[in-house]
Amino acid sequence: YPGLARMAMDYMAIQGSATAVERVWSSASNTDTRNRNRLSPSRFEALQFLKAGYRKERTVQMTD
């Protein structure tokens, strides 16, 4: 089955995790530190949202 073998090699080469997800987890670990372990889930979510918006705005400014 050479066709099946080629197809398997194409799909097996795909990475198991996406870069965007890795970035989100990294950002979350920077927010959820030992000093900030009492943040409520809603406040944690708000901080992550603000950080993402700030980064996006900074990227847009850098490309203009």
PDB file of N, CA and C in Angstrom:
ATOM      1  N   TYR A   1       0.824  -1.194   0.000  1.00  0.00           N
ATOM      2  CA  TYR A   1       0.000   0.000   0.000  1.00  0.00           C
ATOM      3  C   TYR A   1       0.872   1.264   0.000  1.00  0.00           C
ATOM      4  N   PRO A   2       1.493   1.579  -1.102  1.00  0.00           N
ATOM      5  CA  PRO A   2       2.373   2.755  -1.133  1.00  0.00           C
ATOM      6  C   PRO A   2       1.608   4.071  -0.959  1.00  0.00           C
ATOM      7  N   GLY A   3       0.413   4.164  -1.479  1.00  0.00           N
ATOM      8  CA  GLY A   3      -0.375   5.402  -1.325  1.00  0.00           C
ATOM      9  C   GLY A   3      -0.748   5.648   0.129  1.00  0.00           C
ATOM     10  N   LEU A   4      -1.129   4.596   0.814  1.00  0.00           N
ATOM     11  CA  LEU A   4      -1.465   4.703   2.229  1.00  0.00           C
ATOM     12  C   LEU A   4      -0.238   5.069   3.060  1.00  0.00           C
ATOM     13  N   ALA A   5       0.901   4.518   2.694  1.00  0.00           N
ATOM     14  CA  ALA A   5       2.145   4.819   3.414  1.00  0.00           C
ATOM     15  C   ALA A   5       2.519   6.294   3.251  1.00  0.00           C
ATOM     16  N   ARG A   6       2.365   6.835   2.052  1.00  0.00           N
ATOM     17  CA  ARG A   6       2.670   8.268   1.820  1.00  0.00           C
ATOM     18  C   ARG A   6       1.716   9.158   2.616  1.00  0.00           C
ATOM     19  N   MET A   7       0.438   8.774   2.599  1.00  0.00           N
ATOM     20  CA  MET A   7      -0.552   9.557   3.339  1.00  0.00           C
ATOM     21  C   MET A   7      -0.253   9.525   4.843  1.00  0.00           C
ATOM     22  N   ALA A   8       0.112   8.375   5.361  1.00  0.00           N
ATOM     23  CA  ALA A   8       0.437   8.250   6.779  1.00  0.00           C
ATOM     24  C   ALA A   8       1.641   9.120   7.133  1.00  0.00           C
ATOM     25  N   MET A   9       2.634   9.153   6.263  1.00  0.00           N
ATOM     26  CA  MET A   9       3.817   9.976   6.525  1.00  0.00           C
ATOM     27  C   MET A   9       3.464  11.458   6.533  1.00  0.00           C
ATOM     28  N   ASP A  10       2.528  11.875   5.673  1.00  0.00           N
ATOM     29  CA  ASP A  10       2.095  13.277   5.653  1.00  0.00           C
ATOM     30  C   ASP A  10       1.407  13.649   6.959  1.00  0.00           C
ATOM     31  N   TYR A  11       0.520  12.783   7.442  1.00  0.00           N
ATOM     32  CA  TYR A  11      -0.225  13.096   8.660  1.00  0.00           C
ATOM     33  C   TYR A  11       0.601  12.905   9.924  1.00  0.00           C
ATOM     34  N   MET A  12       1.528  11.984   9.906  1.00  0.00           N
ATOM     35  CA  MET A  12       2.366  11.752  11.084  1.00  0.00           C
ATOM     36  C   MET A  12       3.354  12.893  11.301  1.00  0.00           C
ATOM     37  N   ALA A  13       3.632  13.667  10.273  1.00  0.00           N
ATOM     38  CA  ALA A  13       4.594  14.774  10.378  1.00  0.00           C
ATOM     39  C   ALA A  13       3.986  15.998  11.054  1.00  0.00           C
ATOM     40  N   ILE A  14       2.668  16.036  11.200  1.00  0.00           N
ATOM     41  CA  ILE A  14       2.001  17.189  11.818  1.00  0.00           C
ATOM     42  C   ILE A  14       2.303  17.193  13.312  1.00  0.00           C
ATOM     43  N   GLN A  15       2.673  18.367  13.832  1.00  0.00           N
ATOM     44  CA  GLN A  15       2.973  18.478  15.257  1.00  0.00           C
ATOM     45  C   GLN A  15       1.723  18.263  16.095  1.00  0.00           C
ATOM     46  N   GLY A  16       1.935  17.756  17.297  1.00  0.00           N
ATOM     47  CA  GLY A  16       0.828  17.463  18.186  1.00  0.00           C
ATOM     48  C   GLY A  16       0.193  18.698  18.812  1.00  0.00           C
ATOM     49  N   SER A  17       0.923  19.782  18.913  1.00  0.00           N
ATOM     50  CA  SER A  17       0.361  20.994  19.515  1.00  0.00           C
ATOM     51  C   SER A  17       0.632  22.191  18.619  1.00  0.00           C
ATOM     52  N   ALA A  18      -0.234  23.155  18.722  1.00  0.00           N
ATOM     53  CA  ALA A  18      -0.114  24.355  17.903  1.00  0.00           C
ATOM     54  C   ALA A  18       0.675  25.429  18.650  1.00  0.00           C
ATOM     55  N   THR A  19       1.352  26.258  17.917  1.00  0.00           N
ATOM     56  CA  THR A  19       2.165  27.310  18.510  1.00  0.00           C
ATOM     57  C   THR A  19       1.309  28.327  19.267  1.00  0.00           C
ATOM     58  N   ALA A  20       0.152  28.654  18.729  1.00  0.00           N
ATOM     59  CA  ALA A  20      -0.717  29.634  19.394  1.00  0.00           C
ATOM     60  C   ALA A  20      -1.151  29.144  20.776  1.00  0.00           C
ATOM     61  N   VAL A  21      -1.466  27.873  20.880  1.00  0.00           N
ATOM     62  CA  VAL A  21      -1.871  27.312  22.163  1.00  0.00           C
ATOM     63  C   VAL A  21      -0.706  27.350  23.149  1.00  0.00           C
ATOM     64  N   GLU A  22       0.484  27.051  22.674  1.00  0.00           N
ATOM     65  CA  GLU A  22       1.669  27.105  23.530  1.00  0.00           C
ATOM     66  C   GLU A  22       1.865  28.524  24.070  1.00  0.00           C
ATOM     67  N   ARG A  23       1.638  29.513  23.218  1.00  0.00           N
ATOM     68  CA  ARG A  23       1.778  30.909  23.649  1.00  0.00           C
ATOM     69  C   ARG A  23       0.767  31.271  24.725  1.00  0.00           C
ATOM     70  N   VAL A  24      -0.454  30.796  24.570  1.00  0.00           N
ATOM     71  CA  VAL A  24      -1.497  31.073  25.559  1.00  0.00           C
ATOM     72  C   VAL A  24      -1.126  30.458  26.906  1.00  0.00           C
ATOM     73  N   TRP A  25      -0.675  29.202  26.890  1.00  0.00           N
ATOM     74  CA  TRP A  25      -0.286  28.549  28.145  1.00  0.00           C
ATOM     75  C   TRP A  25       0.890  29.261  28.792  1.00  0.00           C
ATOM     76  N   SER A  26       1.830  29.708  27.989  1.00  0.00           N
ATOM     77  CA  SER A  26       2.990  30.415  28.522  1.00  0.00           C
ATOM     78  C   SER A  26       2.560  31.738  29.159  1.00  0.00           C
ATOM     79  N   SER A  27       1.678  32.449  28.493  1.00  0.00           N
ATOM     80  CA  SER A  27       1.177  33.711  29.028  1.00  0.00           C
ATOM     81  C   SER A  27       0.406  33.488  30.326  1.00  0.00           C
ATOM     82  N   ALA A  28      -0.390  32.434  30.361  1.00  0.00           N
ATOM     83  CA  ALA A  28      -1.159  32.128  31.569  1.00  0.00           C
ATOM     84  C   ALA A  28      -0.241  31.774  32.728  1.00  0.00           C
ATOM     85  N   SER A  29       0.833  31.050  32.444  1.00  0.00           N
ATOM     86  CA  SER A  29       1.755  30.694  33.530  1.00  0.00           C
ATOM     87  C   SER A  29       2.499  31.917  34.042  1.00  0.00           C
ATOM     88  N   ASN A  30       2.688  32.930  33.192  1.00  0.00           N
ATOM     89  CA  ASN A  30       3.308  34.170  33.648  1.00  0.00           C
ATOM     90  C   ASN A  30       2.353  34.983  34.526  1.00  0.00           C
ATOM     91  N   THR A  31       1.061  34.850  34.304  1.00  0.00           N
ATOM     92  CA  THR A  31       0.071  35.557  35.111  1.00  0.00           C
ATOM     93  C   THR A  31      -0.193  34.831  36.426  1.00  0.00           C
ATOM     94  N   ASP A  32      -0.278  33.520  36.361  1.00  0.00           N
ATOM     95  CA  ASP A  32      -0.607  32.714  37.540  1.00  0.00           C
ATOM     96  C   ASP A  32       0.665  32.290  38.271  1.00  0.00           C
ATOM     97  N   THR A  33       1.280  33.234  38.944  1.00  0.00           N
ATOM     98  CA  THR A  33       2.520  32.949  39.662  1.00  0.00           C
ATOM     99  C   THR A  33       2.218  32.656  41.122  1.00  0.00           C
ATOM    100  N   ARG A  34       3.244  32.336  41.864  1.00  0.00           N
ATOM    101  CA  ARG A  34       3.085  32.050  43.293  1.00  0.00           C
ATOM    102  C   ARG A  34       2.533  33.280  44.033  1.00  0.00           C
ATOM    103  N   ASN A  35       2.909  34.466  43.598  1.00  0.00           N
ATOM    104  CA  ASN A  35       2.432  35.691  44.250  1.00  0.00           C
ATOM    105  C   ASN A  35       1.000  36.051  43.877  1.00  0.00           C
ATOM    106  N   ARG A  36       0.509  35.510  42.777  1.00  0.00           N
ATOM    107  CA  ARG A  36      -0.840  35.845  42.314  1.00  0.00           C
ATOM    108  C   ARG A  36      -1.764  34.642  42.357  1.00  0.00           C
ATOM    109  N   ASN A  37      -1.553  33.733  43.265  1.00  0.00           N
ATOM    110  CA  ASN A  37      -2.334  32.502  43.268  1.00  0.00           C
ATOM    111  C   ASN A  37      -3.744  32.665  43.815  1.00  0.00           C
ATOM    112  N   ARG A  38      -4.113  33.856  44.235  1.00  0.00           N
ATOM    113  CA  ARG A  38      -5.474  34.059  44.759  1.00  0.00           C
ATOM    114  C   ARG A  38      -6.361  34.863  43.811  1.00  0.00           C
ATOM    115  N   LEU A  39      -5.957  34.973  42.563  1.00  0.00           N
ATOM    116  CA  LEU A  39      -6.790  35.662  41.586  1.00  0.00           C
ATOM    117  C   LEU A  39      -8.060  34.854  41.339  1.00  0.00           C
ATOM    118  N   SER A  40      -9.179  35.545  41.279  1.00  0.00           N
ATOM    119  CA  SER A  40     -10.421  34.850  40.949  1.00  0.00           C
ATOM    120  C   SER A  40     -10.394  34.478  39.463  1.00  0.00           C
ATOM    121  N   PRO A  41     -11.141  33.472  39.071  1.00  0.00           N
ATOM    122  CA  PRO A  41     -11.163  33.088  37.651  1.00  0.00           C
ATOM    123  C   PRO A  41     -11.575  34.234  36.726  1.00  0.00           C
ATOM    124  N   SER A  42     -12.526  35.051  37.157  1.00  0.00           N
ATOM    125  CA  SER A  42     -12.957  36.165  36.296  1.00  0.00           C
ATOM    126  C   SER A  42     -11.866  37.227  36.169  1.00  0.00           C
ATOM    127  N   ARG A  43     -11.140  37.492  37.242  1.00  0.00           N
ATOM    128  CA  ARG A  43     -10.052  38.470  37.182  1.00  0.00           C
ATOM    129  C   ARG A  43      -8.882  37.929  36.357  1.00  0.00           C
ATOM    130  N   PHE A  44      -8.601  36.636  36.501  1.00  0.00           N
ATOM    131  CA  PHE A  44      -7.550  36.002  35.712  1.00  0.00           C
ATOM    132  C   PHE A  44      -7.881  36.094  34.221  1.00  0.00           C
ATOM    133  N   GLU A  45      -9.136  35.809  33.890  1.00  0.00           N
ATOM    134  CA  GLU A  45      -9.567  35.889  32.495  1.00  0.00           C
ATOM    135  C   GLU A  45      -9.445  37.319  31.971  1.00  0.00           C
ATOM    136  N   ALA A  46      -9.835  38.298  32.784  1.00  0.00           N
ATOM    137  CA  ALA A  46      -9.741  39.699  32.372  1.00  0.00           C
ATOM    138  C   ALA A  46      -8.288  40.105  32.128  1.00  0.00           C
ATOM    139  N   LEU A  47      -7.388  39.663  32.999  1.00  0.00           N
ATOM    140  CA  LEU A  47      -5.971  39.971  32.810  1.00  0.00           C
ATOM    141  C   LEU A  47      -5.434  39.364  31.517  1.00  0.00           C
ATOM    142  N   GLN A  48      -5.798  38.122  31.252  1.00  0.00           N
ATOM    143  CA  GLN A  48      -5.335  37.473  30.022  1.00  0.00           C
ATOM    144  C   GLN A  48      -5.886  38.196  28.792  1.00  0.00           C
ATOM    145  N   PHE A  49      -7.132  38.613  28.858  1.00  0.00           N
ATOM    146  CA  PHE A  49      -7.754  39.344  27.750  1.00  0.00           C
ATOM    147  C   PHE A  49      -7.037  40.667  27.502  1.00  0.00           C
ATOM    148  N   LEU A  50      -6.740  41.404  28.575  1.00  0.00           N
ATOM    149  CA  LEU A  50      -6.040  42.675  28.443  1.00  0.00           C
ATOM    150  C   LEU A  50      -4.629  42.486  27.887  1.00  0.00           C
ATOM    151  N   LYS A  51      -3.940  41.463  28.354  1.00  0.00           N
ATOM    152  CA  LYS A  51      -2.592  41.192  27.858  1.00  0.00           C
ATOM    153  C   LYS A  51      -2.604  40.891  26.362  1.00  0.00           C
ATOM    154  N   ALA A  52      -3.574  40.100  25.930  1.00  0.00           N
ATOM    155  CA  ALA A  52      -3.666  39.746  24.512  1.00  0.00           C
ATOM    156  C   ALA A  52      -3.966  40.987  23.670  1.00  0.00           C
ATOM    157  N   GLY A  53      -4.864  41.839  24.148  1.00  0.00           N
ATOM    158  CA  GLY A  53      -5.182  43.070  23.427  1.00  0.00           C
ATOM    159  C   GLY A  53      -3.995  44.009  23.356  1.00  0.00           C
ATOM    160  N   TYR A  54      -3.247  44.104  24.432  1.00  0.00           N
ATOM    161  CA  TYR A  54      -2.067  44.961  24.464  1.00  0.00           C
ATOM    162  C   TYR A  54      -1.023  44.459  23.477  1.00  0.00           C
ATOM    163  N   ARG A  55      -0.792  43.153  23.459  1.00  0.00           N
ATOM    164  CA  ARG A  55       0.187  42.581  22.520  1.00  0.00           C
ATOM    165  C   ARG A  55      -0.239  42.802  21.080  1.00  0.00           C
ATOM    166  N   LYS A  56      -1.537  42.631  20.811  1.00  0.00           N
ATOM    167  CA  LYS A  56      -2.030  42.822  19.451  1.00  0.00           C
ATOM    168  C   LYS A  56      -1.838  44.260  19.013  1.00  0.00           C
ATOM    169  N   GLU A  57      -2.154  45.203  19.880  1.00  0.00           N
ATOM    170  CA  GLU A  57      -1.996  46.623  19.563  1.00  0.00           C
ATOM    171  C   GLU A  57      -0.530  46.957  19.334  1.00  0.00           C
ATOM    172  N   ARG A  58       0.338  46.400  20.166  1.00  0.00           N
ATOM    173  CA  ARG A  58       1.772  46.646  20.012  1.00  0.00           C
ATOM    174  C   ARG A  58       2.286  46.102  18.690  1.00  0.00           C
ATOM    175  N   THR A  59       1.790  44.943  18.289  1.00  0.00           N
ATOM    176  CA  THR A  59       2.198  44.345  17.009  1.00  0.00           C
ATOM    177  C   THR A  59       1.737  45.207  15.847  1.00  0.00           C
ATOM    178  N   VAL A  60       0.517  45.721  15.923  1.00  0.00           N
ATOM    179  CA  VAL A  60       0.000  46.582  14.857  1.00  0.00           C
ATOM    180  C   VAL A  60       0.833  47.852  14.751  1.00  0.00           C
ATOM    181  N   GLN A  61       1.189  48.452  15.874  1.00  0.00           N
ATOM    182  CA  GLN A  61       2.004  49.661  15.867  1.00  0.00           C
ATOM    183  C   GLN A  61       3.384  49.405  15.274  1.00  0.00           C
ATOM    184  N   MET A  62       3.942  48.239  15.567  1.00  0.00           N
ATOM    185  CA  MET A  62       5.273  47.921  15.063  1.00  0.00           C
ATOM    186  C   MET A  62       5.284  47.697  13.559  1.00  0.00           C
ATOM    187  N   THR A  63       4.162  47.251  12.989  1.00  0.00           N
ATOM    188  CA  THR A  63       4.112  46.992  11.561  1.00  0.00           C
ATOM    189  C   THR A  63       3.727  48.222  10.762  1.00  0.00           C
ATOM    190  N   ASP A  64       3.161  49.228  11.411  1.00  0.00           N
ATOM    191  CA  ASP A  64       2.775  50.448  10.694  1.00  0.00           C
ATOM    192  C   ASP A  64       3.947  51.325  10.381  1.00  0.00           C
TER     193      ASP A  64
END
